[in-house]
Each structure stands twice: as C-alpha cells, then as structure tokens.
Amino acid sequence: MNQTRLNLFSTIFYGLLVTSCATIKNDPKRALSKLEKTDFKKLEGQFSNYPTKSERSIDREMFPANFTQLTLWSQFDEYQYKDSIEKLKEQIVTLDFISSRKAVAKLWDSGELIKTKKVKGRIKNGYFYYRNHFIVFPLFPIVFGYDTYRYRIGLTTKDSIVIDNKWNYWGFAIIAGGFSKGQTSAEFGRR
C-alpha cells in the first residue's frame, strides 16, 4: 500500500516538474549573432537602461497585471519603478565580463556609479543564460506549487543586446492560489 502511494506521488511530482519548466521561445523575426563560449566579450559595453523595443506574451495568467517597461538594470537586480522615464533613458548600464561564466553589471546615472551586481551564468545555444531558478513547494495537500524563472542575453546583428525572461509559476493553498506563464523580451541599444 505504501509503495503504491509513493509511486503515485512520484508520478505526479515528476509530471509537474517536467511540465513546469520555463523554456524560452526564440523569435524567428529577430536577427541575432550566435554567441560561442570564446566570444563572450561581444556582450561587453555600455547600454541604455531603457529598452528600444519590448514585447510581452502571456500564455496564461490568473490576475492580469499592468505591464510596465522593464529596464536593463531590473533584469539583473531589482525593478526601478521610482524613476521617471526621462531619468531611465539617461541612465547607462555597463557589462564587463570576467570570464564566459561571470560578468559585472554596473548602473550609472549622470556619470555616477549607483549600483554594482555580479552576474553568474553560462553560454549555451548562442545566448548567455543567467539567474535561472526552480523551486517546488511540496507540502501537499496543504500548500503545493512551483516557481521557475529563466533569463538570457543575446546579441543582435545591429550590436544591441536582447534580454529574454520566461516565467512559469503555479501555487495552491487551501484558501488561495495563483498561476502565471509568459515571456518578455526587451532590446537595449549600445551607447
């Protein structure tokens, strides 16, 4: 009897694990330069903190949220809802790669260094993937859920960078729950 329950739980758990992965879809209209492990330095430079283009696609969402333009810095550290759009357009983010697995992002405002963030990741399939995470809350039947996020940086043929962010989360508790699955893509020009 216990073996049957364990098998059932394992089947359900692994089924959710496989279906909850956040896989980023490629945009066939976007012209990208394919990155190799040896040419990671192509991603270095100064970039505008405000996107020149951004897209958001939602596959499913329980509570629709207002979409605000994501800044380049918010892709590495935290959201910048406090600053006006004019101020965000003046800010610069620099990327300096130490190796193919480590980079340092810096936020500059009017020539003054505001923040620094270390970024760890790896180059795979022509992109630099970073800040991936997967969490499972296995307190079934009281609380159960999963939460996955995946980020990557690509280089366009116009020498801009593109950051894709894919998320997939689902949660259930006895009195509440929520879910969302989607992808954002933003392009940032070189300065």
C-alpha atoms as a PDB file:
ATOM      1  CA  MET A   1       0.000   0.000   0.000  1.00  0.00           C
ATOM      2  CA  ASN A   2       2.789   2.473   0.906  1.00  0.00           C
ATOM      3  CA  GLN A   3       4.664   1.605  -2.291  1.00  0.00           C
ATOM      4  CA  THR A   4       1.539   2.409  -4.354  1.00  0.00           C
ATOM      5  CA  ARG A   5       1.213   5.826  -2.692  1.00  0.00           C
ATOM      6  CA  LEU A   6       4.895   6.532  -3.212  1.00  0.00           C
ATOM      7  CA  ASN A   7       4.643   5.595  -6.892  1.00  0.00           C
ATOM      8  CA  LEU A   8       1.573   7.813  -7.339  1.00  0.00           C
ATOM      9  CA  PHE A   9       3.225  10.750  -5.581  1.00  0.00           C
ATOM     10  CA  SER A  10       6.424  10.278  -7.620  1.00  0.00           C
ATOM     11  CA  THR A  11       4.479  10.175 -10.892  1.00  0.00           C
ATOM     12  CA  ILE A  12       2.564  13.362 -10.050  1.00  0.00           C
ATOM     13  CA  PHE A  13       5.691  15.152  -8.806  1.00  0.00           C
ATOM     14  CA  TYR A  14       7.827  14.296 -11.848  1.00  0.00           C
ATOM     15  CA  GLY A  15       4.944  15.132 -14.187  1.00  0.00           C
ATOM     16  CA  LEU A  16       4.666  18.610 -12.671  1.00  0.00           C
ATOM     17  CA  LEU A  17       8.410  19.005 -12.713  1.00  0.00           C
ATOM     18  CA  VAL A  18       8.601  18.293 -16.434  1.00  0.00           C
ATOM     19  CA  THR A  19       5.607  20.454 -17.401  1.00  0.00           C
ATOM     20  CA  SER A  20       6.641  23.407 -15.258  1.00  0.00           C
ATOM     21  CA  CYS A  21       9.999  24.122 -16.887  1.00  0.00           C
ATOM     22  CA  ALA A  22      10.325  27.661 -18.230  1.00  0.00           C
ATOM     23  CA  THR A  23      11.643  27.188 -21.755  1.00  0.00           C
ATOM     24  CA  ILE A  24      12.286  30.403 -23.656  1.00  0.00           C
ATOM     25  CA  LYS A  25      10.883  30.538 -27.173  1.00  0.00           C
ATOM     26  CA  ASN A  26      13.022  32.010 -29.945  1.00  0.00           C
ATOM     27  CA  ASP A  27      11.633  34.862 -32.025  1.00  0.00           C
ATOM     28  CA  PRO A  28      12.117  33.939 -35.712  1.00  0.00           C
ATOM     29  CA  LYS A  29      11.826  37.621 -36.782  1.00  0.00           C
ATOM     30  CA  ARG A  30      14.807  38.693 -34.682  1.00  0.00           C
ATOM     31  CA  ALA A  31      18.251  38.647 -36.290  1.00  0.00           C
ATOM     32  CA  LEU A  32      20.814  37.519 -33.709  1.00  0.00           C
ATOM     33  CA  SER A  33      24.548  36.944 -33.743  1.00  0.00           C
ATOM     34  CA  LYS A  34      25.216  33.486 -32.348  1.00  0.00           C
ATOM     35  CA  LEU A  35      27.494  33.622 -29.298  1.00  0.00           C
ATOM     36  CA  GLU A  36      30.148  30.998 -28.739  1.00  0.00           C
ATOM     37  CA  LYS A  37      31.927  30.331 -25.440  1.00  0.00           C
ATOM     38  CA  THR A  38      35.054  32.052 -26.735  1.00  0.00           C
ATOM     39  CA  ASP A  39      33.437  35.314 -27.885  1.00  0.00           C
ATOM     40  CA  PHE A  40      31.576  36.307 -24.701  1.00  0.00           C
ATOM     41  CA  LYS A  41      33.377  39.690 -24.755  1.00  0.00           C
ATOM     42  CA  LYS A  42      30.997  40.775 -27.549  1.00  0.00           C
ATOM     43  CA  LEU A  43      28.370  41.344 -24.841  1.00  0.00           C
ATOM     44  CA  GLU A  44      30.536  43.914 -23.073  1.00  0.00           C
ATOM     45  CA  GLY A  45      29.831  47.606 -23.349  1.00  0.00           C
ATOM     46  CA  GLN A  46      27.608  50.471 -22.320  1.00  0.00           C
ATOM     47  CA  PHE A  47      23.898  50.105 -22.926  1.00  0.00           C
ATOM     48  CA  SER A  48      20.844  52.265 -22.465  1.00  0.00           C
ATOM     49  CA  ASN A  49      18.893  51.393 -19.322  1.00  0.00           C
ATOM     50  CA  TYR A  50      15.576  51.920 -21.135  1.00  0.00           C
ATOM     51  CA  PRO A  51      14.507  49.484 -23.887  1.00  0.00           C
ATOM     52  CA  THR A  52      14.231  50.489 -27.520  1.00  0.00           C
ATOM     53  CA  LYS A  53      11.745  47.625 -28.051  1.00  0.00           C
ATOM     54  CA  SER A  54       9.882  45.344 -25.696  1.00  0.00           C
ATOM     55  CA  GLU A  55       7.314  42.591 -26.092  1.00  0.00           C
ATOM     56  CA  ARG A  56       5.335  40.558 -23.613  1.00  0.00           C
ATOM     57  CA  SER A  57       3.368  37.414 -24.313  1.00  0.00           C
ATOM     58  CA  ILE A  58       1.213  35.750 -21.676  1.00  0.00           C
ATOM     59  CA  ASP A  59       0.288  32.102 -22.107  1.00  0.00           C
ATOM     60  CA  ARG A  60      -1.929  32.071 -19.034  1.00  0.00           C
ATOM     61  CA  GLU A  61      -2.466  34.341 -16.045  1.00  0.00           C
ATOM     62  CA  MET A  62      -4.917  34.301 -13.175  1.00  0.00           C
ATOM     63  CA  PHE A  63      -4.787  38.021 -12.381  1.00  0.00           C
ATOM     64  CA  PRO A  64      -3.789  40.259 -15.320  1.00  0.00           C
ATOM     65  CA  ALA A  65      -1.093  42.725 -14.303  1.00  0.00           C
ATOM     66  CA  ASN A  66      -0.260  46.079 -15.795  1.00  0.00           C
ATOM     67  CA  PHE A  67       2.878  45.800 -17.875  1.00  0.00           C
ATOM     68  CA  THR A  68       5.500  48.466 -17.356  1.00  0.00           C
ATOM     69  CA  GLN A  69       8.637  48.793 -19.415  1.00  0.00           C
ATOM     70  CA  LEU A  70      11.381  46.781 -17.767  1.00  0.00           C
ATOM     71  CA  THR A  71      14.738  48.466 -17.503  1.00  0.00           C
ATOM     72  CA  LEU A  72      18.017  46.733 -18.246  1.00  0.00           C
ATOM     73  CA  TRP A  73      19.054  47.083 -14.613  1.00  0.00           C
ATOM     74  CA  SER A  74      15.855  45.403 -13.412  1.00  0.00           C
ATOM     75  CA  GLN A  75      16.870  42.324 -15.403  1.00  0.00           C
ATOM     76  CA  PHE A  76      19.910  41.945 -13.135  1.00  0.00           C
ATOM     77  CA  ASP A  77      18.941  43.288  -9.730  1.00  0.00           C
ATOM     78  CA  GLU A  78      15.625  44.961  -8.930  1.00  0.00           C
ATOM     79  CA  TYR A  79      12.805  46.909 -10.521  1.00  0.00           C
ATOM     80  CA  GLN A  80      13.090  50.671 -10.893  1.00  0.00           C
ATOM     81  CA  TYR A  81       9.557  51.921 -10.501  1.00  0.00           C
ATOM     82  CA  LYS A  82      10.629  55.078  -8.670  1.00  0.00           C
ATOM     83  CA  ASP A  83      12.447  56.786 -11.557  1.00  0.00           C
ATOM     84  CA  SER A  84      10.713  58.703 -14.338  1.00  0.00           C
ATOM     85  CA  ILE A  85      11.030  57.524 -17.947  1.00  0.00           C
ATOM     86  CA  GLU A  86      13.203  60.561 -18.773  1.00  0.00           C
ATOM     87  CA  LYS A  87      15.612  59.641 -15.960  1.00  0.00           C
ATOM     88  CA  LEU A  88      15.673  55.970 -17.009  1.00  0.00           C
ATOM     89  CA  LYS A  89      16.543  56.985 -20.576  1.00  0.00           C
ATOM     90  CA  GLU A  90      19.547  58.958 -19.288  1.00  0.00           C
ATOM     91  CA  GLN A  91      20.926  56.058 -17.212  1.00  0.00           C
ATOM     92  CA  ILE A  92      23.565  53.680 -18.555  1.00  0.00           C
ATOM     93  CA  VAL A  93      24.297  50.069 -17.655  1.00  0.00           C
ATOM     94  CA  THR A  94      27.767  48.676 -18.328  1.00  0.00           C
ATOM     95  CA  LEU A  95      28.532  44.992 -18.711  1.00  0.00           C
ATOM     96  CA  ASP A  96      32.075  43.724 -18.093  1.00  0.00           C
ATOM     97  CA  PHE A  97      32.743  40.008 -18.494  1.00  0.00           C
ATOM     98  CA  ILE A  98      35.404  38.448 -16.267  1.00  0.00           C
ATOM     99  CA  SER A  99      35.039  35.058 -17.952  1.00  0.00           C
ATOM    100  CA  SER A 100      32.462  33.182 -20.024  1.00  0.00           C
ATOM    101  CA  ARG A 101      30.640  32.383 -16.755  1.00  0.00           C
ATOM    102  CA  LYS A 102      30.916  35.671 -14.809  1.00  0.00           C
ATOM    103  CA  ALA A 103      30.070  39.296 -15.519  1.00  0.00           C
ATOM    104  CA  VAL A 104      29.751  42.524 -13.573  1.00  0.00           C
ATOM    105  CA  ALA A 105      26.815  44.851 -14.290  1.00  0.00           C
ATOM    106  CA  LYS A 106      27.003  48.489 -13.178  1.00  0.00           C
ATOM    107  CA  LEU A 107      24.261  51.116 -13.141  1.00  0.00           C
ATOM    108  CA  TRP A 108      25.394  54.689 -13.896  1.00  0.00           C
ATOM    109  CA  ASP A 109      23.385  57.892 -13.543  1.00  0.00           C
ATOM    110  CA  SER A 110      24.947  61.152 -14.858  1.00  0.00           C
ATOM    111  CA  GLY A 111      28.430  59.614 -14.651  1.00  0.00           C
ATOM    112  CA  GLU A 112      27.947  58.476 -11.040  1.00  0.00           C
ATOM    113  CA  LEU A 113      28.072  54.773 -10.151  1.00  0.00           C
ATOM    114  CA  ILE A 114      24.788  53.855  -8.425  1.00  0.00           C
ATOM    115  CA  LYS A 115      24.952  50.054  -8.036  1.00  0.00           C
ATOM    116  CA  THR A 116      27.052  47.030  -8.957  1.00  0.00           C
ATOM    117  CA  LYS A 117      25.858  43.448  -9.378  1.00  0.00           C
ATOM    118  CA  LYS A 118      27.784  40.245 -10.115  1.00  0.00           C
ATOM    119  CA  VAL A 119      26.090  38.010 -12.672  1.00  0.00           C
ATOM    120  CA  LYS A 120      26.852  34.299 -12.979  1.00  0.00           C
ATOM    121  CA  GLY A 121      25.741  32.166 -15.897  1.00  0.00           C
ATOM    122  CA  ARG A 122      26.904  30.260 -18.948  1.00  0.00           C
ATOM    123  CA  ILE A 123      26.824  30.471 -22.704  1.00  0.00           C
ATOM    124  CA  LYS A 124      24.553  27.918 -24.316  1.00  0.00           C
ATOM    125  CA  ASN A 125      22.827  27.783 -27.719  1.00  0.00           C
ATOM    126  CA  GLY A 126      24.125  31.245 -28.689  1.00  0.00           C
ATOM    127  CA  TYR A 127      22.921  33.017 -25.514  1.00  0.00           C
ATOM    128  CA  PHE A 128      24.289  33.855 -22.065  1.00  0.00           C
ATOM    129  CA  TYR A 129      21.855  32.239 -19.574  1.00  0.00           C
ATOM    130  CA  TYR A 130      21.801  33.588 -16.010  1.00  0.00           C
ATOM    131  CA  ARG A 131      19.637  33.804 -12.884  1.00  0.00           C
ATOM    132  CA  ASN A 132      17.761  30.580 -13.562  1.00  0.00           C
ATOM    133  CA  HIS A 133      15.878  29.076 -10.681  1.00  0.00           C
ATOM    134  CA  PHE A 134      13.325  26.391  -9.969  1.00  0.00           C
ATOM    135  CA  ILE A 135      11.526  25.986  -6.634  1.00  0.00           C
ATOM    136  CA  VAL A 136       8.958  23.384  -5.576  1.00  0.00           C
ATOM    137  CA  PHE A 137       6.715  23.752  -2.530  1.00  0.00           C
ATOM    138  CA  PRO A 138       5.868  20.102  -1.737  1.00  0.00           C
ATOM    139  CA  LEU A 139       3.580  20.402   1.305  1.00  0.00           C
ATOM    140  CA  PHE A 140       0.726  18.617  -0.472  1.00  0.00           C
ATOM    141  CA  PRO A 141      -2.297  18.826   0.166  1.00  0.00           C
ATOM    142  CA  ILE A 142      -1.996  21.978   2.334  1.00  0.00           C
ATOM    143  CA  VAL A 143       0.341  24.002   0.105  1.00  0.00           C
ATOM    144  CA  PHE A 144       1.768  22.952  -3.227  1.00  0.00           C
ATOM    145  CA  GLY A 145       3.346  24.861  -6.091  1.00  0.00           C
ATOM    146  CA  TYR A 146       6.304  25.522  -8.318  1.00  0.00           C
ATOM    147  CA  ASP A 147       8.107  28.643  -9.437  1.00  0.00           C
ATOM    148  CA  THR A 148      10.528  28.820 -12.387  1.00  0.00           C
ATOM    149  CA  TYR A 149      12.294  31.798 -13.927  1.00  0.00           C
ATOM    150  CA  ARG A 150      14.853  31.860 -16.703  1.00  0.00           C
ATOM    151  CA  TYR A 151      16.827  34.780 -18.153  1.00  0.00           C
ATOM    152  CA  ARG A 152      19.155  35.039 -21.148  1.00  0.00           C
ATOM    153  CA  ILE A 153      21.091  37.681 -23.078  1.00  0.00           C
ATOM    154  CA  GLY A 154      21.544  37.626 -26.824  1.00  0.00           C
ATOM    155  CA  LEU A 155      23.338  39.931 -29.252  1.00  0.00           C
ATOM    156  CA  THR A 156      21.517  41.324 -32.290  1.00  0.00           C
ATOM    157  CA  THR A 157      23.167  41.824 -35.662  1.00  0.00           C
ATOM    158  CA  LYS A 158      22.719  45.589 -35.024  1.00  0.00           C
ATOM    159  CA  ASP A 159      25.005  45.270 -31.954  1.00  0.00           C
ATOM    160  CA  SER A 160      22.217  45.756 -29.391  1.00  0.00           C
ATOM    161  CA  ILE A 161      21.516  43.242 -26.644  1.00  0.00           C
ATOM    162  CA  VAL A 162      18.256  41.391 -26.157  1.00  0.00           C
ATOM    163  CA  ILE A 163      17.159  40.041 -22.796  1.00  0.00           C
ATOM    164  CA  ASP A 164      14.502  37.346 -22.686  1.00  0.00           C
ATOM    165  CA  ASN A 165      12.763  36.424 -19.446  1.00  0.00           C
ATOM    166  CA  LYS A 166      10.466  33.399 -19.174  1.00  0.00           C
ATOM    167  CA  TRP A 167       8.446  32.569 -16.073  1.00  0.00           C
ATOM    168  CA  ASN A 168       6.069  29.825 -15.060  1.00  0.00           C
ATOM    169  CA  TYR A 169       4.565  29.572 -11.598  1.00  0.00           C
ATOM    170  CA  TRP A 170       1.602  27.850 -10.061  1.00  0.00           C
ATOM    171  CA  GLY A 171       0.573  27.637  -6.446  1.00  0.00           C
ATOM    172  CA  PHE A 172      -2.220  26.162  -4.404  1.00  0.00           C
ATOM    173  CA  ALA A 173      -3.129  26.540  -0.768  1.00  0.00           C
ATOM    174  CA  ILE A 174      -6.316  25.516   0.992  1.00  0.00           C
ATOM    175  CA  ILE A 175      -7.820  29.012   0.728  1.00  0.00           C
ATOM    176  CA  ALA A 176      -5.926  30.609  -2.194  1.00  0.00           C
ATOM    177  CA  GLY A 177      -3.947  30.026  -5.336  1.00  0.00           C
ATOM    178  CA  GLY A 178      -2.490  31.624  -8.417  1.00  0.00           C
ATOM    179  CA  PHE A 179      -0.723  30.961 -11.685  1.00  0.00           C
ATOM    180  CA  SER A 180       1.063  32.765 -14.491  1.00  0.00           C
ATOM    181  CA  LYS A 181       3.118  31.755 -17.503  1.00  0.00           C
ATOM    182  CA  GLY A 182       4.661  34.064 -20.061  1.00  0.00           C
ATOM    183  CA  GLN A 183       7.703  35.665 -21.616  1.00  0.00           C
ATOM    184  CA  THR A 184       9.087  39.176 -22.007  1.00  0.00           C
ATOM    185  CA  SER A 185      11.701  40.271 -24.470  1.00  0.00           C
ATOM    186  CA  ALA A 186      13.438  43.655 -24.437  1.00  0.00           C
ATOM    187  CA  GLU A 187      16.139  45.150 -26.661  1.00  0.00           C
ATOM    188  CA  PHE A 188      18.655  47.687 -25.347  1.00  0.00           C
ATOM    189  CA  GLY A 189      20.811  49.875 -27.598  1.00  0.00           C
ATOM    190  CA  ARG A 190      24.551  50.273 -27.240  1.00  0.00           C
ATOM    191  CA  ARG A 191      25.778  53.727 -26.163  1.00  0.00           C
END
